[in-house]
Amino acid sequence: MPARKKEAATVHPFTPAEQRAARSERIKVYEAEPYGWIACSESGTERDYHLFREPTTKHLACTCADFVYRGNAEPGFECKHVSATLKFIARQYLAYEYDPRRQQARVA
């Protein structure tokens, strides 16, 4: 039986959006007063960023340079601070507001 060559595993690099989403795991987020959220800088040495819900699009907007310069040009763009904040909001919702009985009531 002839020896078969091992098939080389194809490595697919992560997209920029996937890389930002992975980096967002290291970002601390908390609620801001009087509205919105604060996302701390990933490195901890820079400033924190204010996030808020854009009234016209109803999407999150961030004050970081990445969002300001790329976010307006690319619809649906999410900087790592937006990704981190969306995860924070989802965790808060699941922990304090989500009630599966409400879904069951809508289905019935």
PDB file of N, CA and C in Angstrom:
ATOM      1  N   MET A   1       0.838  -1.172   0.000  1.00  0.00           N
ATOM      2  CA  MET A   1       0.000   0.000   0.000  1.00  0.00           C
ATOM      3  C   MET A   1       0.886   1.240   0.000  1.00  0.00           C
ATOM      4  N   PRO A   2       0.732   2.110  -1.014  1.00  0.00           N
ATOM      5  CA  PRO A   2       1.613   3.279  -1.082  1.00  0.00           C
ATOM      6  C   PRO A   2       1.310   4.275   0.044  1.00  0.00           C
ATOM      7  N   ALA A   3       2.346   4.946   0.483  1.00  0.00           N
ATOM      8  CA  ALA A   3       2.172   5.957   1.533  1.00  0.00           C
ATOM      9  C   ALA A   3       1.466   7.167   0.952  1.00  0.00           C
ATOM     10  N   ARG A   4       0.493   7.634   1.663  1.00  0.00           N
ATOM     11  CA  ARG A   4      -0.244   8.817   1.194  1.00  0.00           C
ATOM     12  C   ARG A   4       0.331  10.064   1.842  1.00  0.00           C
ATOM     13  N   LYS A   5       0.379  11.088   1.073  1.00  0.00           N
ATOM     14  CA  LYS A   5       0.834  12.361   1.624  1.00  0.00           C
ATOM     15  C   LYS A   5      -0.239  12.906   2.549  1.00  0.00           C
ATOM     16  N   LYS A   6       0.218  13.468   3.629  1.00  0.00           N
ATOM     17  CA  LYS A   6      -0.737  14.098   4.534  1.00  0.00           C
ATOM     18  C   LYS A   6      -1.301  15.335   3.856  1.00  0.00           C
ATOM     19  N   GLU A   7      -2.598  15.453   3.942  1.00  0.00           N
ATOM     20  CA  GLU A   7      -3.226  16.636   3.354  1.00  0.00           C
ATOM     21  C   GLU A   7      -2.988  17.824   4.276  1.00  0.00           C
ATOM     22  N   ALA A   8      -2.496  18.866   3.709  1.00  0.00           N
ATOM     23  CA  ALA A   8      -2.227  20.071   4.493  1.00  0.00           C
ATOM     24  C   ALA A   8      -3.549  20.708   4.900  1.00  0.00           C
ATOM     25  N   ALA A   9      -3.645  21.012   6.156  1.00  0.00           N
ATOM     26  CA  ALA A   9      -4.854  21.674   6.649  1.00  0.00           C
ATOM     27  C   ALA A   9      -4.874  23.108   6.142  1.00  0.00           C
ATOM     28  N   THR A  10      -6.003  23.501   5.625  1.00  0.00           N
ATOM     29  CA  THR A  10      -6.137  24.860   5.120  1.00  0.00           C
ATOM     30  C   THR A  10      -6.433  25.786   6.297  1.00  0.00           C
ATOM     31  N   VAL A  11      -5.632  26.783   6.449  1.00  0.00           N
ATOM     32  CA  VAL A  11      -5.812  27.753   7.521  1.00  0.00           C
ATOM     33  C   VAL A  11      -6.476  28.983   6.922  1.00  0.00           C
ATOM     34  N   HIS A  12      -7.616  29.319   7.477  1.00  0.00           N
ATOM     35  CA  HIS A  12      -8.320  30.510   7.025  1.00  0.00           C
ATOM     36  C   HIS A  12      -8.079  31.623   8.029  1.00  0.00           C
ATOM     37  N   PRO A  13      -7.491  32.716   7.587  1.00  0.00           N
ATOM     38  CA  PRO A  13      -7.257  33.818   8.525  1.00  0.00           C
ATOM     39  C   PRO A  13      -8.588  34.430   8.957  1.00  0.00           C
ATOM     40  N   PHE A  14      -8.590  34.983  10.155  1.00  0.00           N
ATOM     41  CA  PHE A  14      -9.778  35.637  10.656  1.00  0.00           C
ATOM     42  C   PHE A  14     -10.013  36.942   9.911  1.00  0.00           C
ATOM     43  N   THR A  15     -11.266  37.279   9.714  1.00  0.00           N
ATOM     44  CA  THR A  15     -11.599  38.556   9.085  1.00  0.00           C
ATOM     45  C   THR A  15     -11.346  39.661  10.098  1.00  0.00           C
ATOM     46  N   PRO A  16     -11.213  40.906   9.643  1.00  0.00           N
ATOM     47  CA  PRO A  16     -11.054  42.006  10.593  1.00  0.00           C
ATOM     48  C   PRO A  16     -12.206  42.081  11.603  1.00  0.00           C
ATOM     49  N   ALA A  17     -13.425  41.803  11.164  1.00  0.00           N
ATOM     50  CA  ALA A  17     -14.573  41.839  12.084  1.00  0.00           C
ATOM     51  C   ALA A  17     -14.443  40.756  13.155  1.00  0.00           C
ATOM     52  N   GLU A  18     -13.968  39.577  12.763  1.00  0.00           N
ATOM     53  CA  GLU A  18     -13.769  38.498  13.737  1.00  0.00           C
ATOM     54  C   GLU A  18     -12.646  38.837  14.710  1.00  0.00           C
ATOM     55  N   GLN A  19     -11.604  39.482  14.230  1.00  0.00           N
ATOM     56  CA  GLN A  19     -10.510  39.885  15.106  1.00  0.00           C
ATOM     57  C   GLN A  19     -10.978  40.922  16.131  1.00  0.00           C
ATOM     58  N   ARG A  20     -11.789  41.893  15.674  1.00  0.00           N
ATOM     59  CA  ARG A  20     -12.317  42.903  16.606  1.00  0.00           C
ATOM     60  C   ARG A  20     -13.226  42.264  17.644  1.00  0.00           C
ATOM     61  N   ALA A  21     -14.057  41.326  17.215  1.00  0.00           N
ATOM     62  CA  ALA A  21     -14.967  40.644  18.140  1.00  0.00           C
ATOM     63  C   ALA A  21     -14.178  39.866  19.199  1.00  0.00           C
ATOM     64  N   ALA A  22     -13.094  39.239  18.808  1.00  0.00           N
ATOM     65  CA  ALA A  22     -12.264  38.501  19.769  1.00  0.00           C
ATOM     66  C   ALA A  22     -11.612  39.457  20.758  1.00  0.00           C
ATOM     67  N   ARG A  23     -11.113  40.586  20.277  1.00  0.00           N
ATOM     68  CA  ARG A  23     -10.489  41.565  21.177  1.00  0.00           C
ATOM     69  C   ARG A  23     -11.498  42.192  22.123  1.00  0.00           C
ATOM     70  N   SER A  24     -12.773  42.209  21.732  1.00  0.00           N
ATOM     71  CA  SER A  24     -13.790  42.844  22.578  1.00  0.00           C
ATOM     72  C   SER A  24     -13.991  42.097  23.892  1.00  0.00           C
ATOM     73  N   GLU A  25     -13.576  40.836  23.945  1.00  0.00           N
ATOM     74  CA  GLU A  25     -13.724  40.055  25.181  1.00  0.00           C
ATOM     75  C   GLU A  25     -12.908  40.638  26.330  1.00  0.00           C
ATOM     76  N   ARG A  26     -11.858  41.379  26.011  1.00  0.00           N
ATOM     77  CA  ARG A  26     -10.983  41.939  27.053  1.00  0.00           C
ATOM     78  C   ARG A  26     -11.410  43.327  27.500  1.00  0.00           C
ATOM     79  N   ILE A  27     -12.496  43.846  26.966  1.00  0.00           N
ATOM     80  CA  ILE A  27     -12.904  45.224  27.254  1.00  0.00           C
ATOM     81  C   ILE A  27     -13.965  45.253  28.343  1.00  0.00           C
ATOM     82  N   LYS A  28     -13.734  46.068  29.353  1.00  0.00           N
ATOM     83  CA  LYS A  28     -14.697  46.234  30.439  1.00  0.00           C
ATOM     84  C   LYS A  28     -15.714  47.301  30.021  1.00  0.00           C
ATOM     85  N   VAL A  29     -16.996  47.015  30.256  1.00  0.00           N
ATOM     86  CA  VAL A  29     -18.082  47.932  29.905  1.00  0.00           C
ATOM     87  C   VAL A  29     -18.942  48.179  31.135  1.00  0.00           C
ATOM     88  N   TYR A  30     -19.389  49.403  31.303  1.00  0.00           N
ATOM     89  CA  TYR A  30     -20.345  49.713  32.366  1.00  0.00           C
ATOM     90  C   TYR A  30     -21.279  50.823  31.891  1.00  0.00           C
ATOM     91  N   GLU A  31     -22.398  50.964  32.597  1.00  0.00           N
ATOM     92  CA  GLU A  31     -23.388  51.964  32.210  1.00  0.00           C
ATOM     93  C   GLU A  31     -22.880  53.356  32.538  1.00  0.00           C
ATOM     94  N   ALA A  32     -23.223  54.308  31.677  1.00  0.00           N
ATOM     95  CA  ALA A  32     -22.798  55.693  31.849  1.00  0.00           C
ATOM     96  C   ALA A  32     -23.969  56.526  32.371  1.00  0.00           C
ATOM     97  N   GLU A  33     -23.658  57.581  33.035  1.00  0.00           N
ATOM     98  CA  GLU A  33     -24.679  58.526  33.491  1.00  0.00           C
ATOM     99  C   GLU A  33     -24.594  59.769  32.630  1.00  0.00           C
ATOM    100  N   PRO A  34     -25.629  60.333  32.141  1.00  0.00           N
ATOM    101  CA  PRO A  34     -27.038  59.991  32.338  1.00  0.00           C
ATOM    102  C   PRO A  34     -27.548  58.953  31.349  1.00  0.00           C
ATOM    103  N   TYR A  35     -26.778  58.593  30.339  1.00  0.00           N
ATOM    104  CA  TYR A  35     -27.249  57.622  29.350  1.00  0.00           C
ATOM    105  C   TYR A  35     -26.063  56.949  28.681  1.00  0.00           C
ATOM    106  N   GLY A  36     -26.316  55.807  28.063  1.00  0.00           N
ATOM    107  CA  GLY A  36     -25.292  55.125  27.280  1.00  0.00           C
ATOM    108  C   GLY A  36     -24.417  54.215  28.114  1.00  0.00           C
ATOM    109  N   TRP A  37     -23.241  53.918  27.565  1.00  0.00           N
ATOM    110  CA  TRP A  37     -22.294  53.001  28.180  1.00  0.00           C
ATOM    111  C   TRP A  37     -20.883  53.540  28.013  1.00  0.00           C
ATOM    112  N   ILE A  38     -20.009  53.102  28.891  1.00  0.00           N
ATOM    113  CA  ILE A  38     -18.584  53.414  28.796  1.00  0.00           C
ATOM    114  C   ILE A  38     -17.842  52.107  28.553  1.00  0.00           C
ATOM    115  N   ALA A  39     -17.015  52.090  27.512  1.00  0.00           N
ATOM    116  CA  ALA A  39     -16.153  50.941  27.224  1.00  0.00           C
ATOM    117  C   ALA A  39     -14.723  51.377  27.485  1.00  0.00           C
ATOM    118  N   CYS A  40     -14.070  50.669  28.372  1.00  0.00           N
ATOM    119  CA  CYS A  40     -12.690  51.011  28.707  1.00  0.00           C
ATOM    120  C   CYS A  40     -11.773  50.622  27.556  1.00  0.00           C
ATOM    121  N   SER A  41     -10.689  51.328  27.446  1.00  0.00           N
ATOM    122  CA  SER A  41      -9.703  51.016  26.418  1.00  0.00           C
ATOM    123  C   SER A  41      -9.142  49.631  26.673  1.00  0.00           C
ATOM    124  N   GLU A  42      -8.896  48.894  25.610  1.00  0.00           N
ATOM    125  CA  GLU A  42      -8.383  47.531  25.728  1.00  0.00           C
ATOM    126  C   GLU A  42      -7.042  47.504  26.442  1.00  0.00           C
ATOM    127  N   SER A  43      -6.178  48.457  26.129  1.00  0.00           N
ATOM    128  CA  SER A  43      -4.845  48.476  26.723  1.00  0.00           C
ATOM    129  C   SER A  43      -4.839  49.044  28.133  1.00  0.00           C
ATOM    130  N   GLY A  44      -5.884  49.769  28.479  1.00  0.00           N
ATOM    131  CA  GLY A  44      -5.961  50.350  29.812  1.00  0.00           C
ATOM    132  C   GLY A  44      -5.184  51.644  29.962  1.00  0.00           C
ATOM    133  N   THR A  45      -4.404  52.012  28.952  1.00  0.00           N
ATOM    134  CA  THR A  45      -3.597  53.223  29.059  1.00  0.00           C
ATOM    135  C   THR A  45      -4.249  54.407  28.351  1.00  0.00           C
ATOM    136  N   GLU A  46      -5.143  54.092  27.423  1.00  0.00           N
ATOM    137  CA  GLU A  46      -5.792  55.169  26.683  1.00  0.00           C
ATOM    138  C   GLU A  46      -7.053  55.606  27.405  1.00  0.00           C
ATOM    139  N   ARG A  47      -7.804  56.447  26.750  1.00  0.00           N
ATOM    140  CA  ARG A  47      -9.039  56.932  27.345  1.00  0.00           C
ATOM    141  C   ARG A  47     -10.168  55.937  27.172  1.00  0.00           C
ATOM    142  N   ASP A  48     -11.245  56.165  27.899  1.00  0.00           N
ATOM    143  CA  ASP A  48     -12.440  55.342  27.764  1.00  0.00           C
ATOM    144  C   ASP A  48     -13.326  55.946  26.684  1.00  0.00           C
ATOM    145  N   TYR A  49     -14.225  55.127  26.144  1.00  0.00           N
ATOM    146  CA  TYR A  49     -15.068  55.564  25.037  1.00  0.00           C
ATOM    147  C   TYR A  49     -16.531  55.520  25.436  1.00  0.00           C
ATOM    148  N   HIS A  50     -17.256  56.555  25.036  1.00  0.00           N
ATOM    149  CA  HIS A  50     -18.686  56.651  25.327  1.00  0.00           C
ATOM    150  C   HIS A  50     -19.459  56.066  24.155  1.00  0.00           C
ATOM    151  N   LEU A  51     -20.399  55.194  24.463  1.00  0.00           N
ATOM    152  CA  LEU A  51     -21.254  54.604  23.442  1.00  0.00           C
ATOM    153  C   LEU A  51     -22.694  55.007  23.716  1.00  0.00           C
ATOM    154  N   PHE A  52     -23.430  55.225  22.664  1.00  0.00           N
ATOM    155  CA  PHE A  52     -24.823  55.642  22.796  1.00  0.00           C
ATOM    156  C   PHE A  52     -25.611  55.115  21.614  1.00  0.00           C
ATOM    157  N   ARG A  53     -26.916  55.128  21.751  1.00  0.00           N
ATOM    158  CA  ARG A  53     -27.791  54.671  20.669  1.00  0.00           C
ATOM    159  C   ARG A  53     -28.059  55.843  19.742  1.00  0.00           C
ATOM    160  N   GLU A  54     -27.668  55.691  18.494  1.00  0.00           N
ATOM    161  CA  GLU A  54     -27.883  56.720  17.487  1.00  0.00           C
ATOM    162  C   GLU A  54     -29.387  56.842  17.251  1.00  0.00           C
ATOM    163  N   PRO A  55     -29.976  58.047  17.431  1.00  0.00           N
ATOM    164  CA  PRO A  55     -31.433  58.185  17.331  1.00  0.00           C
ATOM    165  C   PRO A  55     -32.011  57.859  15.956  1.00  0.00           C
ATOM    166  N   THR A  56     -31.301  58.173  14.884  1.00  0.00           N
ATOM    167  CA  THR A  56     -31.878  57.957  13.553  1.00  0.00           C
ATOM    168  C   THR A  56     -31.760  56.504  13.102  1.00  0.00           C
ATOM    169  N   THR A  57     -30.605  55.877  13.324  1.00  0.00           N
ATOM    170  CA  THR A  57     -30.406  54.496  12.873  1.00  0.00           C
ATOM    171  C   THR A  57     -30.771  53.470  13.939  1.00  0.00           C
ATOM    172  N   LYS A  58     -30.830  53.906  15.187  1.00  0.00           N
ATOM    173  CA  LYS A  58     -31.108  53.034  16.343  1.00  0.00           C
ATOM    174  C   LYS A  58     -30.019  51.976  16.537  1.00  0.00           C
ATOM    175  N   HIS A  59     -28.803  52.272  16.079  1.00  0.00           N
ATOM    176  CA  HIS A  59     -27.653  51.402  16.291  1.00  0.00           C
ATOM    177  C   HIS A  59     -26.733  52.058  17.310  1.00  0.00           C
ATOM    178  N   LEU A  60     -25.832  51.265  17.872  1.00  0.00           N
ATOM    179  CA  LEU A  60     -24.852  51.825  18.797  1.00  0.00           C
ATOM    180  C   LEU A  60     -23.809  52.625  18.031  1.00  0.00           C
ATOM    181  N   ALA A  61     -23.407  53.733  18.618  1.00  0.00           N
ATOM    182  CA  ALA A  61     -22.332  54.561  18.063  1.00  0.00           C
ATOM    183  C   ALA A  61     -21.256  54.693  19.132  1.00  0.00           C
ATOM    184  N   CYS A  62     -20.014  54.751  18.700  1.00  0.00           N
ATOM    185  CA  CYS A  62     -18.870  54.832  19.613  1.00  0.00           C
ATOM    186  C   CYS A  62     -18.051  56.071  19.278  1.00  0.00           C
ATOM    187  N   THR A  63     -17.345  56.576  20.290  1.00  0.00           N
ATOM    188  CA  THR A  63     -16.526  57.769  20.089  1.00  0.00           C
ATOM    189  C   THR A  63     -15.075  57.444  19.723  1.00  0.00           C
ATOM    190  N   CYS A  64     -14.753  56.159  19.533  1.00  0.00           N
ATOM    191  CA  CYS A  64     -13.364  55.811  19.178  1.00  0.00           C
ATOM    192  C   CYS A  64     -13.086  56.172  17.720  1.00  0.00           C
ATOM    193  N   ALA A  65     -11.823  56.355  17.400  1.00  0.00           N
ATOM    194  CA  ALA A  65     -11.421  56.751  16.042  1.00  0.00           C
ATOM    195  C   ALA A  65     -11.775  55.674  15.019  1.00  0.00           C
ATOM    196  N   ASP A  66     -11.650  54.410  15.398  1.00  0.00           N
ATOM    197  CA  ASP A  66     -11.971  53.320  14.480  1.00  0.00           C
ATOM    198  C   ASP A  66     -13.425  53.424  14.020  1.00  0.00           C
ATOM    199  N   PHE A  67     -14.330  53.663  14.954  1.00  0.00           N
ATOM    200  CA  PHE A  67     -15.747  53.771  14.597  1.00  0.00           C
ATOM    201  C   PHE A  67     -16.028  55.059  13.822  1.00  0.00           C
ATOM    202  N   VAL A  68     -15.446  56.153  14.257  1.00  0.00           N
ATOM    203  CA  VAL A  68     -15.700  57.443  13.615  1.00  0.00           C
ATOM    204  C   VAL A  68     -15.252  57.430  12.157  1.00  0.00           C
ATOM    205  N   TYR A  69     -14.058  56.882  11.886  1.00  0.00           N
ATOM    206  CA  TYR A  69     -13.532  56.925  10.532  1.00  0.00           C
ATOM    207  C   TYR A  69     -13.999  55.776   9.639  1.00  0.00           C
ATOM    208  N   ARG A  70     -14.299  54.618  10.227  1.00  0.00           N
ATOM    209  CA  ARG A  70     -14.759  53.488   9.417  1.00  0.00           C
ATOM    210  C   ARG A  70     -16.262  53.286   9.517  1.00  0.00           C
ATOM    211  N   GLY A  71     -16.825  53.595  10.659  1.00  0.00           N
ATOM    212  CA  GLY A  71     -18.238  53.338  10.908  1.00  0.00           C
ATOM    213  C   GLY A  71     -19.180  54.082   9.991  1.00  0.00           C
ATOM    214  N   ASN A  72     -18.821  55.297   9.630  1.00  0.00           N
ATOM    215  CA  ASN A  72     -19.686  56.073   8.749  1.00  0.00           C
ATOM    216  C   ASN A  72     -19.603  55.586   7.306  1.00  0.00           C
ATOM    217  N   ALA A  73     -18.494  54.975   6.939  1.00  0.00           N
ATOM    218  CA  ALA A  73     -18.309  54.532   5.559  1.00  0.00           C
ATOM    219  C   ALA A  73     -18.830  53.113   5.323  1.00  0.00           C
ATOM    220  N   GLU A  74     -18.832  52.287   6.366  1.00  0.00           N
ATOM    221  CA  GLU A  74     -19.247  50.894   6.216  1.00  0.00           C
ATOM    222  C   GLU A  74     -20.528  50.644   7.000  1.00  0.00           C
ATOM    223  N   PRO A  75     -21.640  50.436   6.328  1.00  0.00           N
ATOM    224  CA  PRO A  75     -22.880  50.143   7.057  1.00  0.00           C
ATOM    225  C   PRO A  75     -22.734  48.856   7.867  1.00  0.00           C
ATOM    226  N   GLY A  76     -23.207  48.885   9.085  1.00  0.00           N
ATOM    227  CA  GLY A  76     -23.132  47.711   9.946  1.00  0.00           C
ATOM    228  C   GLY A  76     -21.780  47.502  10.596  1.00  0.00           C
ATOM    229  N   PHE A  77     -20.869  48.461  10.457  1.00  0.00           N
ATOM    230  CA  PHE A  77     -19.539  48.338  11.056  1.00  0.00           C
ATOM    231  C   PHE A  77     -19.657  48.332  12.577  1.00  0.00           C
ATOM    232  N   GLU A  78     -18.918  47.440  13.232  1.00  0.00           N
ATOM    233  CA  GLU A  78     -18.862  47.390  14.691  1.00  0.00           C
ATOM    234  C   GLU A  78     -17.409  47.418  15.122  1.00  0.00           C
ATOM    235  N   CYS A  79     -17.047  48.449  15.852  1.00  0.00           N
ATOM    236  CA  CYS A  79     -15.713  48.467  16.446  1.00  0.00           C
ATOM    237  C   CYS A  79     -15.725  47.488  17.627  1.00  0.00           C
ATOM    238  N   LYS A  80     -14.555  47.234  18.200  1.00  0.00           N
ATOM    239  CA  LYS A  80     -14.486  46.281  19.303  1.00  0.00           C
ATOM    240  C   LYS A  80     -15.254  46.776  20.528  1.00  0.00           C
ATOM    241  N   HIS A  81     -15.401  48.101  20.678  1.00  0.00           N
ATOM    242  CA  HIS A  81     -16.155  48.649  21.810  1.00  0.00           C
ATOM    243  C   HIS A  81     -17.652  48.405  21.640  1.00  0.00           C
ATOM    244  N   VAL A  82     -18.140  48.508  20.405  1.00  0.00           N
ATOM    245  CA  VAL A  82     -19.555  48.212  20.134  1.00  0.00           C
ATOM    246  C   VAL A  82     -19.818  46.732  20.383  1.00  0.00           C
ATOM    247  N   SER A  83     -18.931  45.866  19.926  1.00  0.00           N
ATOM    248  CA  SER A  83     -19.096  44.423  20.160  1.00  0.00           C
ATOM    249  C   SER A  83     -19.132  44.117  21.650  1.00  0.00           C
ATOM    250  N   ALA A  84     -18.214  44.710  22.403  1.00  0.00           N
ATOM    251  CA  ALA A  84     -18.169  44.481  23.849  1.00  0.00           C
ATOM    252  C   ALA A  84     -19.434  44.995  24.528  1.00  0.00           C
ATOM    253  N   THR A  85     -19.939  46.135  24.084  1.00  0.00           N
ATOM    254  CA  THR A  85     -21.138  46.713  24.690  1.00  0.00           C
ATOM    255  C   THR A  85     -22.367  45.878  24.363  1.00  0.00           C
ATOM    256  N   LEU A  86     -22.475  45.390  23.145  1.00  0.00           N
ATOM    257  CA  LEU A  86     -23.604  44.519  22.797  1.00  0.00           C
ATOM    258  C   LEU A  86     -23.601  43.256  23.661  1.00  0.00           C
ATOM    259  N   LYS A  87     -22.431  42.697  23.907  1.00  0.00           N
ATOM    260  CA  LYS A  87     -22.333  41.531  24.781  1.00  0.00           C
ATOM    261  C   LYS A  87     -22.732  41.887  26.207  1.00  0.00           C
ATOM    262  N   PHE A  88     -22.309  43.060  26.676  1.00  0.00           N
ATOM    263  CA  PHE A  88     -22.666  43.521  28.019  1.00  0.00           C
ATOM    264  C   PHE A  88     -24.182  43.672  28.146  1.00  0.00           C
ATOM    265  N   ILE A  89     -24.810  44.305  27.157  1.00  0.00           N
ATOM    266  CA  ILE A  89     -26.265  44.505  27.179  1.00  0.00           C
ATOM    267  C   ILE A  89     -26.975  43.154  27.173  1.00  0.00           C
ATOM    268  N   ALA A  90     -26.516  42.232  26.358  1.00  0.00           N
ATOM    269  CA  ALA A  90     -27.138  40.903  26.290  1.00  0.00           C
ATOM    270  C   ALA A  90     -27.014  40.171  27.625  1.00  0.00           C
ATOM    271  N   ARG A  91     -25.846  40.253  28.245  1.00  0.00           N
ATOM    272  CA  ARG A  91     -25.666  39.586  29.545  1.00  0.00           C
ATOM    273  C   ARG A  91     -26.563  40.205  30.606  1.00  0.00           C
ATOM    274  N   GLN A  92     -26.695  41.535  30.593  1.00  0.00           N
ATOM    275  CA  GLN A  92     -27.566  42.210  31.558  1.00  0.00           C
ATOM    276  C   GLN A  92     -29.021  41.796  31.343  1.00  0.00           C
ATOM    277  N   TYR A  93     -29.430  41.740  30.097  1.00  0.00           N
ATOM    278  CA  TYR A  93     -30.793  41.346  29.779  1.00  0.00           C
ATOM    279  C   TYR A  93     -31.082  39.926  30.256  1.00  0.00           C
ATOM    280  N   LEU A  94     -30.169  39.005  29.951  1.00  0.00           N
ATOM    281  CA  LEU A  94     -30.380  37.614  30.357  1.00  0.00           C
ATOM    282  C   LEU A  94     -30.386  37.457  31.873  1.00  0.00           C
ATOM    283  N   ALA A  95     -29.560  38.221  32.553  1.00  0.00           N
ATOM    284  CA  ALA A  95     -29.461  38.091  34.000  1.00  0.00           C
ATOM    285  C   ALA A  95     -30.639  38.718  34.742  1.00  0.00           C
ATOM    286  N   TYR A  96     -31.178  39.828  34.230  1.00  0.00           N
ATOM    287  CA  TYR A  96     -32.152  40.576  35.026  1.00  0.00           C
ATOM    288  C   TYR A  96     -33.529  40.736  34.396  1.00  0.00           C
ATOM    289  N   GLU A  97     -33.650  40.628  33.096  1.00  0.00           N
ATOM    290  CA  GLU A  97     -34.927  40.928  32.463  1.00  0.00           C
ATOM    291  C   GLU A  97     -35.558  39.767  31.708  1.00  0.00           C
ATOM    292  N   TYR A  98     -34.761  38.843  31.241  1.00  0.00           N
ATOM    293  CA  TYR A  98     -35.285  37.756  30.417  1.00  0.00           C
ATOM    294  C   TYR A  98     -36.186  36.844  31.242  1.00  0.00           C
ATOM    295  N   ASP A  99     -37.347  36.547  30.714  1.00  0.00           N
ATOM    296  CA  ASP A  99     -38.282  35.642  31.357  1.00  0.00           C
ATOM    297  C   ASP A  99     -38.827  34.702  30.280  1.00  0.00           C
ATOM    298  N   PRO A 100     -38.417  33.429  30.293  1.00  0.00           N
ATOM    299  CA  PRO A 100     -38.869  32.519  29.239  1.00  0.00           C
ATOM    300  C   PRO A 100     -40.391  32.337  29.224  1.00  0.00           C
ATOM    301  N   ARG A 101     -41.057  32.599  30.332  1.00  0.00           N
ATOM    302  CA  ARG A 101     -42.511  32.458  30.370  1.00  0.00           C
ATOM    303  C   ARG A 101     -43.200  33.467  29.451  1.00  0.00           C
ATOM    304  N   ARG A 102     -42.564  34.621  29.246  1.00  0.00           N
ATOM    305  CA  ARG A 102     -43.149  35.594  28.312  1.00  0.00           C
ATOM    306  C   ARG A 102     -43.125  35.062  26.882  1.00  0.00           C
ATOM    307  N   GLN A 103     -42.064  34.360  26.507  1.00  0.00           N
ATOM    308  CA  GLN A 103     -42.002  33.763  25.175  1.00  0.00           C
ATOM    309  C   GLN A 103     -43.039  32.670  25.026  1.00  0.00           C
ATOM    310  N   GLN A 104     -43.217  31.872  26.051  1.00  0.00           N
ATOM    311  CA  GLN A 104     -44.191  30.797  26.005  1.00  0.00           C
ATOM    312  C   GLN A 104     -45.608  31.368  25.872  1.00  0.00           C
ATOM    313  N   ALA A 105     -45.863  32.490  26.523  1.00  0.00           N
ATOM    314  CA  ALA A 105     -47.188  33.121  26.454  1.00  0.00           C
ATOM    315  C   ALA A 105     -47.460  33.626  25.044  1.00  0.00           C
ATOM    316  N   ARG A 106     -46.438  34.114  24.359  1.00  0.00           N
ATOM    317  CA  ARG A 106     -46.622  34.610  22.982  1.00  0.00           C
ATOM    318  C   ARG A 106     -46.868  33.472  22.008  1.00  0.00           C
ATOM    319  N   VAL A 107     -46.261  32.329  22.252  1.00  0.00           N
ATOM    320  CA  VAL A 107     -46.400  31.180  21.360  1.00  0.00           C
ATOM    321  C   VAL A 107     -47.781  30.548  21.511  1.00  0.00           C
ATOM    322  N   ALA A 108     -48.259  30.498  22.745  1.00  0.00           N
ATOM    323  CA  ALA A 108     -49.552  29.834  23.012  1.00  0.00           C
ATOM    324  C   ALA A 108     -50.734  30.589  22.468  1.00  0.00           C
TER     325      ALA A 108
END
